[in-house]
């Protein structure tokens, strides 16, 4: 899959995030990279055959103090190569991108791993709020 097509799938996945949450996201860059480097995998204590599909880098909203500001954007990195290697076909890639993005946005909002896992389970059951169902 080309980088351009993969990036388009990442942008489509953003619509899986309910609008009420998307409105609260500020100063956040969404970046696609080929693969996590060995240094990052070591730092995260991830050993083969495990890998990393995405990564949130920044200060979660729940940890920001009153004087937080004037900073570079937080980042969510989506890693193309490991997602493509572990998926069969575009539909599976699209689903994995969606789950990864939801997971990393959960970190941005300061959710616990348990809360994020609950949201991911609902995502896989098709219970995620769609872009047209989230009007306020």
N, C-alpha and C. Protein backbone atom coordinates (compact mmCIF):
# COMPACT_ATOMS: atom_id res chain seq x y z
N UNK A 1 0.85 -1.18 0.00
CA UNK A 1 0.00 0.00 0.00
C UNK A 1 0.90 1.24 0.00
N UNK A 2 0.52 2.23 -0.77
CA UNK A 2 1.32 3.45 -0.80
C UNK A 2 1.15 4.23 0.50
N UNK A 3 2.12 5.08 0.80
CA UNK A 3 2.02 5.93 1.98
C UNK A 3 0.81 6.83 1.87
N UNK A 4 0.56 7.36 0.68
CA UNK A 4 -0.57 8.26 0.48
C UNK A 4 -1.89 7.56 0.81
N UNK A 5 -2.08 6.32 0.35
CA UNK A 5 -3.31 5.58 0.62
C UNK A 5 -3.42 5.29 2.12
N UNK A 6 -2.31 4.89 2.74
CA UNK A 6 -2.31 4.60 4.17
C UNK A 6 -2.69 5.86 4.96
N UNK A 7 -2.11 6.99 4.61
CA UNK A 7 -2.44 8.25 5.29
C UNK A 7 -3.91 8.62 5.12
N UNK A 8 -4.47 8.31 3.95
CA UNK A 8 -5.89 8.57 3.74
C UNK A 8 -6.74 7.71 4.68
N UNK A 9 -6.34 6.45 4.89
CA UNK A 9 -7.06 5.58 5.82
C UNK A 9 -6.95 6.11 7.26
N UNK A 10 -5.79 6.66 7.59
CA UNK A 10 -5.62 7.25 8.93
C UNK A 10 -6.56 8.44 9.09
N UNK A 11 -6.66 9.29 8.09
CA UNK A 11 -7.56 10.44 8.16
C UNK A 11 -9.02 10.00 8.26
N UNK A 12 -9.37 8.94 7.55
CA UNK A 12 -10.73 8.40 7.65
C UNK A 12 -11.00 7.90 9.06
N UNK A 13 -10.00 7.31 9.69
CA UNK A 13 -10.17 6.76 11.03
C UNK A 13 -10.46 7.85 12.05
N UNK A 14 -10.02 9.06 11.79
CA UNK A 14 -10.29 10.17 12.71
C UNK A 14 -11.80 10.35 12.90
N UNK A 15 -12.59 10.03 11.88
CA UNK A 15 -14.04 10.19 11.99
C UNK A 15 -14.65 9.18 12.96
N UNK A 16 -13.90 8.17 13.38
CA UNK A 16 -14.39 7.20 14.37
C UNK A 16 -14.42 7.81 15.76
N UNK A 17 -13.69 8.89 15.94
CA UNK A 17 -13.66 9.56 17.24
C UNK A 17 -14.90 10.44 17.33
N UNK A 18 -15.74 10.23 18.33
CA UNK A 18 -16.95 11.05 18.44
C UNK A 18 -16.62 12.55 18.42
N UNK A 19 -17.50 13.32 17.77
CA UNK A 19 -17.27 14.76 17.61
C UNK A 19 -17.05 15.46 18.94
N UNK A 20 -17.77 15.03 19.97
CA UNK A 20 -17.63 15.71 21.26
C UNK A 20 -16.21 15.57 21.80
N UNK A 21 -15.51 14.49 21.42
CA UNK A 21 -14.11 14.34 21.82
C UNK A 21 -13.18 15.05 20.84
N UNK A 22 -13.48 14.96 19.54
CA UNK A 22 -12.64 15.64 18.54
C UNK A 22 -12.57 17.13 18.82
N UNK A 23 -13.67 17.72 19.29
CA UNK A 23 -13.68 19.15 19.59
C UNK A 23 -12.73 19.50 20.72
N UNK A 24 -12.45 18.55 21.59
CA UNK A 24 -11.57 18.80 22.74
C UNK A 24 -10.09 18.59 22.42
N UNK A 25 -9.81 18.03 21.26
CA UNK A 25 -8.42 17.76 20.88
C UNK A 25 -7.81 19.03 20.30
N UNK A 26 -6.75 19.50 20.96
CA UNK A 26 -6.03 20.68 20.47
C UNK A 26 -4.54 20.42 20.52
N UNK A 27 -3.82 21.06 19.64
CA UNK A 27 -2.36 20.99 19.62
C UNK A 27 -1.87 19.54 19.58
N UNK A 28 -2.43 18.77 18.66
CA UNK A 28 -2.09 17.35 18.51
C UNK A 28 -1.80 17.07 17.05
N UNK A 29 -0.61 16.55 16.77
CA UNK A 29 -0.21 16.19 15.41
C UNK A 29 -0.40 14.70 15.21
N UNK A 30 -0.97 14.33 14.08
CA UNK A 30 -1.14 12.93 13.71
C UNK A 30 -0.14 12.64 12.60
N UNK A 31 0.80 11.72 12.89
CA UNK A 31 1.93 11.47 12.00
C UNK A 31 1.97 9.99 11.62
N UNK A 32 2.29 9.71 10.36
CA UNK A 32 2.52 8.33 9.92
C UNK A 32 4.01 8.16 9.71
N UNK A 33 4.56 7.10 10.31
CA UNK A 33 5.96 6.72 10.10
C UNK A 33 5.99 5.28 9.63
N UNK A 34 7.10 4.90 9.03
CA UNK A 34 7.22 3.56 8.48
C UNK A 34 7.16 2.50 9.56
N UNK A 35 8.06 2.57 10.54
CA UNK A 35 8.11 1.55 11.60
C UNK A 35 8.82 2.12 12.81
N UNK A 36 8.54 1.57 13.99
CA UNK A 36 9.28 2.03 15.17
C UNK A 36 10.72 1.54 15.09
N UNK A 37 11.65 2.39 15.49
CA UNK A 37 13.06 2.01 15.48
C UNK A 37 13.40 1.08 16.63
N UNK A 38 14.52 0.40 16.53
CA UNK A 38 14.93 -0.52 17.59
C UNK A 38 15.11 0.16 18.94
N UNK A 39 15.56 1.42 18.92
CA UNK A 39 15.75 2.15 20.18
C UNK A 39 14.40 2.37 20.89
N UNK A 40 13.39 2.72 20.11
CA UNK A 40 12.06 2.94 20.67
C UNK A 40 11.49 1.64 21.23
N UNK A 41 11.65 0.56 20.48
CA UNK A 41 11.16 -0.73 20.96
C UNK A 41 11.87 -1.14 22.24
N UNK A 42 13.18 -0.88 22.32
CA UNK A 42 13.93 -1.16 23.55
C UNK A 42 13.40 -0.31 24.71
N UNK A 43 13.21 0.98 24.44
CA UNK A 43 12.73 1.90 25.46
C UNK A 43 11.36 1.47 25.99
N UNK A 44 10.51 0.96 25.09
CA UNK A 44 9.16 0.54 25.46
C UNK A 44 9.14 -0.91 25.98
N UNK A 45 10.32 -1.55 25.98
CA UNK A 45 10.47 -2.94 26.43
C UNK A 45 9.60 -3.89 25.61
N UNK A 46 9.61 -3.68 24.29
CA UNK A 46 8.86 -4.52 23.36
C UNK A 46 9.86 -5.39 22.61
N UNK A 47 9.70 -6.68 22.75
CA UNK A 47 10.63 -7.61 22.11
C UNK A 47 9.91 -8.39 21.02
N UNK A 48 10.64 -8.67 19.92
CA UNK A 48 10.04 -9.47 18.83
C UNK A 48 9.54 -10.81 19.38
N UNK A 49 8.44 -11.29 18.88
CA UNK A 49 7.74 -10.86 17.67
C UNK A 49 6.75 -9.73 17.91
N UNK A 50 6.62 -9.24 19.14
CA UNK A 50 5.71 -8.12 19.40
C UNK A 50 6.23 -6.86 18.71
N UNK A 51 5.35 -5.92 18.49
CA UNK A 51 5.72 -4.68 17.84
C UNK A 51 4.82 -3.56 18.32
N UNK A 52 4.91 -2.43 17.69
CA UNK A 52 4.17 -1.25 18.08
C UNK A 52 3.43 -0.72 16.85
N UNK A 53 2.11 -0.53 16.98
CA UNK A 53 1.32 0.01 15.88
C UNK A 53 1.19 1.52 15.97
N UNK A 54 1.23 2.04 17.18
CA UNK A 54 1.06 3.47 17.36
C UNK A 54 1.66 3.91 18.68
N UNK A 55 1.83 5.23 18.82
CA UNK A 55 2.44 5.77 20.02
C UNK A 55 1.94 7.19 20.25
N UNK A 56 1.55 7.46 21.50
CA UNK A 56 1.20 8.82 21.91
C UNK A 56 2.41 9.41 22.60
N UNK A 57 2.82 10.60 22.18
CA UNK A 57 3.92 11.32 22.82
C UNK A 57 3.40 12.69 23.24
N UNK A 58 3.43 12.94 24.54
CA UNK A 58 2.98 14.22 25.02
C UNK A 58 2.55 14.15 26.47
N UNK A 59 1.82 15.16 26.89
CA UNK A 59 1.32 15.24 28.26
C UNK A 59 -0.19 15.05 28.21
N UNK A 60 -0.71 13.95 28.79
CA UNK A 60 -2.16 13.73 28.78
C UNK A 60 -2.90 14.90 29.41
N UNK A 61 -4.11 15.13 28.94
CA UNK A 61 -4.91 16.24 29.45
C UNK A 61 -5.06 16.19 30.96
N UNK A 62 -5.18 15.00 31.52
CA UNK A 62 -5.39 14.86 32.97
C UNK A 62 -4.15 15.22 33.79
N UNK A 63 -2.99 15.34 33.14
CA UNK A 63 -1.75 15.66 33.85
C UNK A 63 -1.30 17.11 33.64
N UNK A 64 -2.06 17.86 32.88
CA UNK A 64 -1.67 19.24 32.59
C UNK A 64 -2.08 20.15 33.74
N UNK A 65 -1.18 21.04 34.09
CA UNK A 65 -1.45 21.98 35.16
C UNK A 65 -1.88 23.32 34.58
N UNK A 66 -2.23 24.24 35.43
CA UNK A 66 -2.73 25.54 34.99
C UNK A 66 -1.73 26.29 34.13
N UNK A 67 -0.42 26.03 34.30
CA UNK A 67 0.58 26.78 33.55
C UNK A 67 1.05 26.04 32.29
N UNK A 68 0.35 24.98 31.93
CA UNK A 68 0.71 24.24 30.72
C UNK A 68 0.39 25.09 29.50
N UNK A 69 1.30 25.16 28.58
CA UNK A 69 1.05 25.91 27.35
C UNK A 69 2.35 26.29 26.68
N UNK A 70 2.24 26.93 25.54
CA UNK A 70 3.41 27.35 24.80
C UNK A 70 4.35 26.18 24.53
N UNK A 71 3.77 25.04 24.13
CA UNK A 71 4.56 23.84 23.89
C UNK A 71 4.34 23.36 22.46
N UNK A 72 5.25 22.52 22.01
CA UNK A 72 5.07 21.87 20.72
C UNK A 72 3.86 20.94 20.82
N UNK A 73 3.25 20.61 19.69
CA UNK A 73 2.09 19.73 19.74
C UNK A 73 2.45 18.35 20.29
N UNK A 74 1.49 17.75 21.00
CA UNK A 74 1.59 16.33 21.31
C UNK A 74 1.52 15.61 19.96
N UNK A 75 1.97 14.35 19.95
CA UNK A 75 1.96 13.59 18.69
C UNK A 75 1.36 12.22 18.89
N UNK A 76 0.62 11.80 17.89
CA UNK A 76 0.24 10.40 17.77
C UNK A 76 0.90 9.91 16.50
N UNK A 77 1.72 8.87 16.66
CA UNK A 77 2.41 8.28 15.52
C UNK A 77 1.72 6.95 15.21
N UNK A 78 1.38 6.74 13.94
CA UNK A 78 0.84 5.48 13.47
C UNK A 78 1.92 4.85 12.59
N UNK A 79 2.29 3.61 12.90
CA UNK A 79 3.37 2.93 12.18
C UNK A 79 2.79 2.03 11.08
N UNK A 80 3.08 2.38 9.83
CA UNK A 80 2.50 1.70 8.68
C UNK A 80 2.97 0.26 8.53
N UNK A 81 4.27 0.02 8.57
CA UNK A 81 4.80 -1.30 8.26
C UNK A 81 4.26 -2.41 9.17
N UNK A 82 4.31 -2.24 10.50
CA UNK A 82 3.81 -3.34 11.33
C UNK A 82 2.31 -3.59 11.16
N UNK A 83 1.54 -2.53 10.90
CA UNK A 83 0.11 -2.72 10.67
C UNK A 83 -0.10 -3.52 9.39
N UNK A 84 0.59 -3.14 8.33
CA UNK A 84 0.44 -3.87 7.06
C UNK A 84 0.90 -5.31 7.19
N UNK A 85 1.98 -5.54 7.92
CA UNK A 85 2.50 -6.91 8.07
C UNK A 85 1.54 -7.81 8.84
N UNK A 86 0.78 -7.24 9.77
CA UNK A 86 -0.09 -8.05 10.62
C UNK A 86 -1.53 -8.11 10.13
N UNK A 87 -1.82 -7.47 9.01
CA UNK A 87 -3.18 -7.43 8.50
C UNK A 87 -3.25 -8.05 7.11
N UNK A 88 -4.42 -8.60 6.81
CA UNK A 88 -4.67 -9.13 5.47
C UNK A 88 -5.71 -8.25 4.79
N UNK A 89 -5.28 -7.46 3.86
CA UNK A 89 -6.20 -6.66 3.08
C UNK A 89 -6.51 -5.30 3.69
N UNK A 90 -7.08 -4.45 2.84
CA UNK A 90 -7.33 -3.07 3.23
C UNK A 90 -8.36 -2.94 4.35
N UNK A 91 -9.38 -3.77 4.35
CA UNK A 91 -10.40 -3.68 5.41
C UNK A 91 -9.80 -3.96 6.77
N UNK A 92 -8.93 -4.95 6.86
CA UNK A 92 -8.29 -5.26 8.13
C UNK A 92 -7.32 -4.15 8.53
N UNK A 93 -6.61 -3.58 7.55
CA UNK A 93 -5.72 -2.46 7.82
C UNK A 93 -6.53 -1.27 8.36
N UNK A 94 -7.64 -0.99 7.72
CA UNK A 94 -8.51 0.12 8.15
C UNK A 94 -8.97 -0.10 9.60
N UNK A 95 -9.37 -1.31 9.93
CA UNK A 95 -9.84 -1.62 11.28
C UNK A 95 -8.71 -1.47 12.30
N UNK A 96 -7.52 -1.92 11.95
CA UNK A 96 -6.38 -1.83 12.87
C UNK A 96 -5.96 -0.37 13.08
N UNK A 97 -5.99 0.41 12.03
CA UNK A 97 -5.69 1.84 12.16
C UNK A 97 -6.71 2.47 13.12
N UNK A 98 -7.98 2.14 12.94
CA UNK A 98 -9.03 2.69 13.80
C UNK A 98 -8.81 2.34 15.25
N UNK A 99 -8.53 1.08 15.53
CA UNK A 99 -8.29 0.68 16.92
C UNK A 99 -7.05 1.37 17.48
N UNK A 100 -5.99 1.45 16.70
CA UNK A 100 -4.76 2.08 17.16
C UNK A 100 -4.99 3.55 17.46
N UNK A 101 -5.68 4.23 16.58
CA UNK A 101 -5.96 5.66 16.79
C UNK A 101 -6.81 5.87 18.04
N UNK A 102 -7.83 5.05 18.21
CA UNK A 102 -8.68 5.15 19.40
C UNK A 102 -7.83 4.94 20.66
N UNK A 103 -6.94 3.97 20.62
CA UNK A 103 -6.07 3.67 21.77
C UNK A 103 -5.20 4.88 22.12
N UNK A 104 -4.54 5.44 21.12
CA UNK A 104 -3.63 6.55 21.37
C UNK A 104 -4.36 7.83 21.78
N UNK A 105 -5.53 8.08 21.22
CA UNK A 105 -6.32 9.23 21.64
C UNK A 105 -6.76 9.04 23.10
N UNK A 106 -7.01 7.80 23.48
CA UNK A 106 -7.32 7.51 24.88
C UNK A 106 -6.20 7.95 25.80
N UNK A 107 -4.95 7.71 25.38
CA UNK A 107 -3.81 8.18 26.18
C UNK A 107 -3.77 9.71 26.24
N UNK A 108 -4.09 10.37 25.13
CA UNK A 108 -4.14 11.83 25.10
C UNK A 108 -5.12 12.35 26.16
N UNK A 109 -6.27 11.68 26.27
CA UNK A 109 -7.27 12.10 27.24
C UNK A 109 -6.98 11.59 28.66
N UNK A 110 -5.89 10.83 28.82
CA UNK A 110 -5.50 10.38 30.15
C UNK A 110 -6.25 9.17 30.66
N UNK A 111 -6.86 8.40 29.76
CA UNK A 111 -7.58 7.20 30.18
C UNK A 111 -6.61 6.10 30.60
N UNK A 112 -7.06 5.24 31.48
CA UNK A 112 -6.26 4.10 31.91
C UNK A 112 -6.28 3.02 30.82
N UNK A 113 -5.36 2.08 30.90
CA UNK A 113 -5.33 0.97 29.94
C UNK A 113 -6.65 0.20 29.99
N UNK A 114 -7.22 0.03 31.18
CA UNK A 114 -8.48 -0.70 31.32
C UNK A 114 -9.62 0.04 30.61
N UNK A 115 -9.67 1.36 30.77
CA UNK A 115 -10.70 2.15 30.10
C UNK A 115 -10.53 2.08 28.58
N UNK A 116 -9.28 2.14 28.14
CA UNK A 116 -9.01 2.08 26.70
C UNK A 116 -9.39 0.71 26.15
N UNK A 117 -9.06 -0.36 26.87
CA UNK A 117 -9.41 -1.70 26.43
C UNK A 117 -10.93 -1.87 26.31
N UNK A 118 -11.68 -1.28 27.24
CA UNK A 118 -13.14 -1.34 27.17
C UNK A 118 -13.64 -0.65 25.91
N UNK A 119 -13.09 0.50 25.60
CA UNK A 119 -13.48 1.23 24.39
C UNK A 119 -13.12 0.41 23.15
N UNK A 120 -11.93 -0.22 23.14
CA UNK A 120 -11.52 -1.04 22.00
C UNK A 120 -12.46 -2.23 21.81
N UNK A 121 -12.87 -2.85 22.90
CA UNK A 121 -13.81 -3.97 22.79
C UNK A 121 -15.11 -3.51 22.16
N UNK A 122 -15.61 -2.35 22.57
CA UNK A 122 -16.83 -1.82 21.97
C UNK A 122 -16.61 -1.49 20.49
N UNK A 123 -15.43 -1.00 20.15
CA UNK A 123 -15.09 -0.71 18.75
C UNK A 123 -15.19 -1.97 17.92
N UNK A 124 -14.60 -3.07 18.41
CA UNK A 124 -14.61 -4.32 17.64
C UNK A 124 -16.01 -4.92 17.56
N UNK A 125 -16.89 -4.60 18.51
CA UNK A 125 -18.28 -5.07 18.44
C UNK A 125 -19.12 -4.14 17.57
N UNK A 126 -18.51 -3.08 17.05
CA UNK A 126 -19.23 -2.15 16.19
C UNK A 126 -20.06 -1.14 16.95
N UNK A 127 -19.74 -0.91 18.23
CA UNK A 127 -20.52 0.00 19.05
C UNK A 127 -19.95 1.42 19.09
N UNK A 128 -18.89 1.68 18.34
CA UNK A 128 -18.31 3.02 18.32
C UNK A 128 -19.30 3.98 17.68
N UNK A 129 -19.40 5.17 18.23
CA UNK A 129 -20.29 6.17 17.68
C UNK A 129 -19.76 6.61 16.32
N UNK A 130 -20.59 6.56 15.34
CA UNK A 130 -20.20 6.95 14.00
C UNK A 130 -20.26 8.45 13.81
N UNK A 131 -19.70 8.96 12.72
CA UNK A 131 -19.61 10.39 12.51
C UNK A 131 -20.98 11.08 12.40
N UNK A 132 -22.00 10.39 11.91
CA UNK A 132 -23.30 11.01 11.75
C UNK A 132 -24.19 10.85 12.98
N UNK A 133 -23.79 10.01 13.93
CA UNK A 133 -24.62 9.74 15.09
C UNK A 133 -24.22 10.59 16.29
N UNK A 134 -23.27 11.46 16.10
CA UNK A 134 -22.69 12.18 17.23
C UNK A 134 -23.04 13.65 17.21
N UNK A 135 -24.13 14.01 16.62
CA UNK A 135 -24.52 15.43 16.52
C UNK A 135 -25.00 15.93 17.87
N UNK A 136 -24.66 17.15 18.19
CA UNK A 136 -25.14 17.79 19.41
C UNK A 136 -25.77 19.12 19.08
